[in-house]
Amino acid sequence: MHTSASHVARLTVLVLLSVLFTGCASLFTPDCARFEEDRKQTDYTPRFDRSTAKTRKLAAEMRPLSRNVLAAAPVYRIEPETGPARRCTHFTLRKELYLQRSDRARTLIVEETREIFTEGGKRVATKVVNLSEQLANPGYYSAQELLPIPEATPAGKYRVVSRLTYRTKPKAKPALTR
């Protein structure tokens, strides 16, 4: 699959989170011990919902896949849905994507990789989620994803980088959706 720098730039969604953590000194004082306990038992996998109406609309507007392309996500957006994050709370991201799949692509492994970087460029978190079952069909999908903000999170600005990839076999190298 062709993955030029422009494709990577289009596919890698950069959500600049200008997040100033106010912590326990703010008017809102979270219960950090309870938050940490709850966080350990929470499944943070985003749950995607498919919209038939938006699928029809986008299917009429988008160019069909090239013959040699198995999958593409010409629409892939991630935006913050909440205001400034605070320690011991969740930050909410809204996700939207339009997935095109070839008829030959019934057994694709679709994954989303999310990385969080500090303002200085240090990676502080990585999460890979298998979305194959949720995104088994072509169409428009939306989801909300909760990002836990632990008590020990330093104040500052963070950047979230997310990539949607697919593989044809479990050990195959992932290909970027364009």
C-alpha atoms as a PDB file:
ATOM      1  CA  MET A   1       0.000   0.000   0.000  1.00  0.00           C
ATOM      2  CA  HIS A   2       1.265   3.488  -0.836  1.00  0.00           C
ATOM      3  CA  THR A   3       2.011   5.457   2.370  1.00  0.00           C
ATOM      4  CA  SER A   4       3.633   8.757   1.428  1.00  0.00           C
ATOM      5  CA  ALA A   5       4.306  11.486   3.961  1.00  0.00           C
ATOM      6  CA  SER A   6       1.082  13.226   2.984  1.00  0.00           C
ATOM      7  CA  HIS A   7      -0.902  10.051   3.653  1.00  0.00           C
ATOM      8  CA  VAL A   8       0.755   9.635   7.037  1.00  0.00           C
ATOM      9  CA  ALA A   9       0.051  13.275   7.815  1.00  0.00           C
ATOM     10  CA  ARG A  10      -3.597  12.858   6.877  1.00  0.00           C
ATOM     11  CA  LEU A  11      -3.967   9.605   8.779  1.00  0.00           C
ATOM     12  CA  THR A  12      -2.132  10.515  11.915  1.00  0.00           C
ATOM     13  CA  VAL A  13      -4.589  12.571  13.805  1.00  0.00           C
ATOM     14  CA  LEU A  14      -2.922  15.097  16.043  1.00  0.00           C
ATOM     15  CA  VAL A  15      -5.135  16.422  18.703  1.00  0.00           C
ATOM     16  CA  LEU A  16      -3.340  19.137  20.576  1.00  0.00           C
ATOM     17  CA  LEU A  17      -4.674  19.069  24.049  1.00  0.00           C
ATOM     18  CA  SER A  18      -3.912  22.348  25.707  1.00  0.00           C
ATOM     19  CA  VAL A  19      -4.519  20.828  29.046  1.00  0.00           C
ATOM     20  CA  LEU A  20      -3.672  22.631  32.219  1.00  0.00           C
ATOM     21  CA  PHE A  21      -4.042  20.389  35.208  1.00  0.00           C
ATOM     22  CA  THR A  22      -5.387  22.156  38.240  1.00  0.00           C
ATOM     23  CA  GLY A  23      -5.201  19.194  40.624  1.00  0.00           C
ATOM     24  CA  CYS A  24      -6.407  19.245  44.174  1.00  0.00           C
ATOM     25  CA  ALA A  25      -5.883  22.993  44.597  1.00  0.00           C
ATOM     26  CA  SER A  26      -8.934  23.800  42.490  1.00  0.00           C
ATOM     27  CA  LEU A  27     -12.499  24.328  43.622  1.00  0.00           C
ATOM     28  CA  PHE A  28     -13.222  20.758  42.511  1.00  0.00           C
ATOM     29  CA  THR A  29     -11.385  18.303  44.760  1.00  0.00           C
ATOM     30  CA  PRO A  30     -11.550  14.807  43.264  1.00  0.00           C
ATOM     31  CA  ASP A  31     -11.384  11.671  45.368  1.00  0.00           C
ATOM     32  CA  CYS A  32      -8.097  10.370  43.963  1.00  0.00           C
ATOM     33  CA  ALA A  33      -8.014   7.096  45.888  1.00  0.00           C
ATOM     34  CA  ARG A  34     -11.477   6.132  44.661  1.00  0.00           C
ATOM     35  CA  PHE A  35     -10.657   7.261  41.110  1.00  0.00           C
ATOM     36  CA  GLU A  36      -7.517   5.088  41.022  1.00  0.00           C
ATOM     37  CA  GLU A  37      -9.451   2.072  42.313  1.00  0.00           C
ATOM     38  CA  ASP A  38     -12.259   2.571  39.791  1.00  0.00           C
ATOM     39  CA  ARG A  39      -9.725   3.113  36.993  1.00  0.00           C
ATOM     40  CA  LYS A  40      -8.213  -0.335  37.552  1.00  0.00           C
ATOM     41  CA  GLN A  41     -11.604  -1.960  36.930  1.00  0.00           C
ATOM     42  CA  THR A  42     -12.687   0.173  33.954  1.00  0.00           C
ATOM     43  CA  ASP A  43     -12.528  -1.011  30.352  1.00  0.00           C
ATOM     44  CA  TYR A  44     -11.308   1.989  28.353  1.00  0.00           C
ATOM     45  CA  THR A  45     -11.965   0.469  24.924  1.00  0.00           C
ATOM     46  CA  PRO A  46     -13.963   2.969  22.846  1.00  0.00           C
ATOM     47  CA  ARG A  47     -17.415   1.720  21.790  1.00  0.00           C
ATOM     48  CA  PHE A  48     -18.167   2.691  18.199  1.00  0.00           C
ATOM     49  CA  ASP A  49     -21.737   3.159  16.966  1.00  0.00           C
ATOM     50  CA  ARG A  50     -22.538   2.915  13.252  1.00  0.00           C
ATOM     51  CA  SER A  51     -24.859   5.482  11.655  1.00  0.00           C
ATOM     52  CA  THR A  52     -26.773   4.165   8.648  1.00  0.00           C
ATOM     53  CA  ALA A  53     -27.869   7.656   7.532  1.00  0.00           C
ATOM     54  CA  LYS A  54     -24.343   9.114   7.617  1.00  0.00           C
ATOM     55  CA  THR A  55     -22.987   5.949   5.998  1.00  0.00           C
ATOM     56  CA  ARG A  56     -25.338   6.408   3.031  1.00  0.00           C
ATOM     57  CA  LYS A  57     -24.495  10.104   2.734  1.00  0.00           C
ATOM     58  CA  LEU A  58     -20.718   9.578   2.808  1.00  0.00           C
ATOM     59  CA  ALA A  59     -20.884   6.551   0.504  1.00  0.00           C
ATOM     60  CA  ALA A  60     -22.477   8.800  -2.123  1.00  0.00           C
ATOM     61  CA  GLU A  61     -19.854  11.546  -1.619  1.00  0.00           C
ATOM     62  CA  MET A  62     -16.613   9.535  -1.371  1.00  0.00           C
ATOM     63  CA  ARG A  63     -14.582   8.091  -4.194  1.00  0.00           C
ATOM     64  CA  PRO A  64     -14.585   4.293  -4.203  1.00  0.00           C
ATOM     65  CA  LEU A  65     -11.472   2.414  -3.130  1.00  0.00           C
ATOM     66  CA  SER A  66      -8.762   1.707  -5.672  1.00  0.00           C
ATOM     67  CA  ARG A  67      -8.550  -1.933  -6.740  1.00  0.00           C
ATOM     68  CA  ASN A  68      -5.326  -2.570  -4.826  1.00  0.00           C
ATOM     69  CA  VAL A  69      -6.512  -0.957  -1.552  1.00  0.00           C
ATOM     70  CA  LEU A  70      -8.185  -3.168   1.058  1.00  0.00           C
ATOM     71  CA  ALA A  71      -9.327  -0.439   3.448  1.00  0.00           C
ATOM     72  CA  ALA A  72      -9.266   3.311   3.932  1.00  0.00           C
ATOM     73  CA  ALA A  73     -10.569   5.866   6.404  1.00  0.00           C
ATOM     74  CA  PRO A  74     -10.965   9.097   4.422  1.00  0.00           C
ATOM     75  CA  VAL A  75     -12.702  10.609   7.460  1.00  0.00           C
ATOM     76  CA  TYR A  76     -10.883  10.094  10.765  1.00  0.00           C
ATOM     77  CA  ARG A  77     -11.293  12.843  13.363  1.00  0.00           C
ATOM     78  CA  ILE A  78     -10.566  13.047  17.047  1.00  0.00           C
ATOM     79  CA  GLU A  79     -11.524  16.104  19.067  1.00  0.00           C
ATOM     80  CA  PRO A  80     -11.549  16.930  22.767  1.00  0.00           C
ATOM     81  CA  GLU A  81     -15.051  17.018  24.170  1.00  0.00           C
ATOM     82  CA  THR A  82     -14.320  18.289  27.645  1.00  0.00           C
ATOM     83  CA  GLY A  83     -12.584  21.397  28.955  1.00  0.00           C
ATOM     84  CA  PRO A  84      -9.286  21.447  30.815  1.00  0.00           C
ATOM     85  CA  ALA A  85      -8.402  18.108  32.387  1.00  0.00           C
ATOM     86  CA  ARG A  86      -7.952  17.665  36.093  1.00  0.00           C
ATOM     87  CA  ARG A  87      -6.064  15.003  37.954  1.00  0.00           C
ATOM     88  CA  CYS A  88      -8.173  12.071  39.121  1.00  0.00           C
ATOM     89  CA  THR A  89     -10.833  12.619  36.455  1.00  0.00           C
ATOM     90  CA  HIS A  90     -11.443  11.566  32.860  1.00  0.00           C
ATOM     91  CA  PHE A  91     -10.804  13.562  29.720  1.00  0.00           C
ATOM     92  CA  THR A  92     -13.253  12.767  26.909  1.00  0.00           C
ATOM     93  CA  LEU A  93     -12.326  12.464  23.238  1.00  0.00           C
ATOM     94  CA  ARG A  94     -14.959  12.332  20.483  1.00  0.00           C
ATOM     95  CA  LYS A  95     -14.041  10.120  17.539  1.00  0.00           C
ATOM     96  CA  GLU A  96     -15.571   9.979  14.075  1.00  0.00           C
ATOM     97  CA  LEU A  97     -14.524   7.824  11.158  1.00  0.00           C
ATOM     98  CA  TYR A  98     -15.769   6.670   7.825  1.00  0.00           C
ATOM     99  CA  LEU A  99     -14.315   3.272   6.994  1.00  0.00           C
ATOM    100  CA  GLN A 100     -14.240   1.941   3.463  1.00  0.00           C
ATOM    101  CA  ARG A 101     -13.513  -1.774   3.049  1.00  0.00           C
ATOM    102  CA  SER A 102     -12.948  -3.808  -0.074  1.00  0.00           C
ATOM    103  CA  ASP A 103     -15.156  -6.850  -0.653  1.00  0.00           C
ATOM    104  CA  ARG A 104     -11.883  -8.815  -0.468  1.00  0.00           C
ATOM    105  CA  ALA A 105     -11.231  -7.460   3.052  1.00  0.00           C
ATOM    106  CA  ARG A 106     -13.593  -9.533   5.183  1.00  0.00           C
ATOM    107  CA  THR A 107     -10.879 -10.806   7.532  1.00  0.00           C
ATOM    108  CA  LEU A 108      -8.949  -7.598   8.183  1.00  0.00           C
ATOM    109  CA  ILE A 109      -7.538  -6.888  11.615  1.00  0.00           C
ATOM    110  CA  VAL A 110      -8.337  -3.209  12.282  1.00  0.00           C
ATOM    111  CA  GLU A 111      -6.420  -1.517  15.096  1.00  0.00           C
ATOM    112  CA  GLU A 112      -6.189   1.949  16.563  1.00  0.00           C
ATOM    113  CA  THR A 113      -2.940   3.023  18.196  1.00  0.00           C
ATOM    114  CA  ARG A 114      -3.087   6.021  20.527  1.00  0.00           C
ATOM    115  CA  GLU A 115       0.026   7.666  21.930  1.00  0.00           C
ATOM    116  CA  ILE A 116       0.234  10.569  24.366  1.00  0.00           C
ATOM    117  CA  PHE A 117       3.254  12.864  24.354  1.00  0.00           C
ATOM    118  CA  THR A 118       4.356  15.661  26.675  1.00  0.00           C
ATOM    119  CA  GLU A 119       4.954  19.138  25.299  1.00  0.00           C
ATOM    120  CA  GLY A 120       8.661  18.238  25.169  1.00  0.00           C
ATOM    121  CA  GLY A 121       7.990  15.188  22.984  1.00  0.00           C
ATOM    122  CA  LYS A 122       8.345  12.413  25.576  1.00  0.00           C
ATOM    123  CA  ARG A 123       5.870   9.571  25.038  1.00  0.00           C
ATOM    124  CA  VAL A 124       4.018   8.905  28.294  1.00  0.00           C
ATOM    125  CA  ALA A 125       1.371   6.405  27.173  1.00  0.00           C
ATOM    126  CA  THR A 126       0.602   4.017  24.322  1.00  0.00           C
ATOM    127  CA  LYS A 127      -2.536   1.978  23.807  1.00  0.00           C
ATOM    128  CA  VAL A 128      -3.350  -0.383  20.928  1.00  0.00           C
ATOM    129  CA  VAL A 129      -7.000  -1.419  20.576  1.00  0.00           C
ATOM    130  CA  ASN A 130      -8.289  -4.120  18.248  1.00  0.00           C
ATOM    131  CA  LEU A 131     -11.446  -2.733  16.625  1.00  0.00           C
ATOM    132  CA  SER A 132     -11.980  -5.565  14.127  1.00  0.00           C
ATOM    133  CA  GLU A 133     -15.309  -6.696  15.570  1.00  0.00           C
ATOM    134  CA  GLN A 134     -16.672  -3.175  16.015  1.00  0.00           C
ATOM    135  CA  LEU A 135     -15.589  -2.055  12.529  1.00  0.00           C
ATOM    136  CA  ALA A 136     -16.428  -5.269  10.679  1.00  0.00           C
ATOM    137  CA  ASN A 137     -18.446  -3.441   8.022  1.00  0.00           C
ATOM    138  CA  PRO A 138     -17.809  -0.315   5.987  1.00  0.00           C
ATOM    139  CA  GLY A 139     -19.548   2.802   7.247  1.00  0.00           C
ATOM    140  CA  TYR A 140     -19.598   5.903   9.412  1.00  0.00           C
ATOM    141  CA  TYR A 141     -18.816   5.320  13.086  1.00  0.00           C
ATOM    142  CA  SER A 142     -18.621   7.558  16.137  1.00  0.00           C
ATOM    143  CA  ALA A 143     -17.478   6.986  19.701  1.00  0.00           C
ATOM    144  CA  GLN A 144     -16.472   8.694  22.897  1.00  0.00           C
ATOM    145  CA  GLU A 145     -13.272   7.616  24.582  1.00  0.00           C
ATOM    146  CA  LEU A 146     -12.402   8.328  28.179  1.00  0.00           C
ATOM    147  CA  LEU A 147      -8.775   9.058  29.002  1.00  0.00           C
ATOM    148  CA  PRO A 148      -7.989   8.659  32.693  1.00  0.00           C
ATOM    149  CA  ILE A 149      -5.863  11.443  34.195  1.00  0.00           C
ATOM    150  CA  PRO A 150      -3.986   9.843  37.120  1.00  0.00           C
ATOM    151  CA  GLU A 151      -3.098  11.767  40.272  1.00  0.00           C
ATOM    152  CA  ALA A 152       0.629  11.669  39.435  1.00  0.00           C
ATOM    153  CA  THR A 153       0.159  13.351  36.030  1.00  0.00           C
ATOM    154  CA  PRO A 154       2.426  16.408  35.802  1.00  0.00           C
ATOM    155  CA  ALA A 155       0.860  19.745  34.869  1.00  0.00           C
ATOM    156  CA  GLY A 156       1.411  20.799  31.272  1.00  0.00           C
ATOM    157  CA  LYS A 157       0.307  20.440  27.687  1.00  0.00           C
ATOM    158  CA  TYR A 158      -0.034  17.058  26.021  1.00  0.00           C
ATOM    159  CA  ARG A 159      -0.457  15.860  22.445  1.00  0.00           C
ATOM    160  CA  VAL A 160      -2.485  12.804  21.432  1.00  0.00           C
ATOM    161  CA  VAL A 161      -1.490  10.977  18.235  1.00  0.00           C
ATOM    162  CA  SER A 162      -3.833   8.331  16.906  1.00  0.00           C
ATOM    163  CA  ARG A 163      -3.419   6.001  13.908  1.00  0.00           C
ATOM    164  CA  LEU A 164      -5.894   3.600  12.361  1.00  0.00           C
ATOM    165  CA  THR A 165      -4.167   0.614  10.754  1.00  0.00           C
ATOM    166  CA  TYR A 166      -5.089  -2.740   9.309  1.00  0.00           C
ATOM    167  CA  ARG A 167      -3.373  -6.088   8.833  1.00  0.00           C
ATOM    168  CA  THR A 168      -4.358  -9.095   6.787  1.00  0.00           C
ATOM    169  CA  LYS A 169      -2.765 -11.595   9.207  1.00  0.00           C
ATOM    170  CA  PRO A 170      -1.973 -11.417  12.943  1.00  0.00           C
ATOM    171  CA  LYS A 171       1.807 -11.150  12.479  1.00  0.00           C
ATOM    172  CA  ALA A 172       1.751  -9.045   9.300  1.00  0.00           C
ATOM    173  CA  LYS A 173       3.089  -5.496   9.288  1.00  0.00           C
ATOM    174  CA  PRO A 174       0.228  -3.005   9.792  1.00  0.00           C
ATOM    175  CA  ALA A 175      -0.727  -0.747   6.882  1.00  0.00           C
ATOM    176  CA  LEU A 176      -2.056   2.750   7.437  1.00  0.00           C
ATOM    177  CA  THR A 177      -5.533   3.463   6.264  1.00  0.00           C
ATOM    178  CA  ARG A 178      -5.331   6.515   4.010  1.00  0.00           C
END
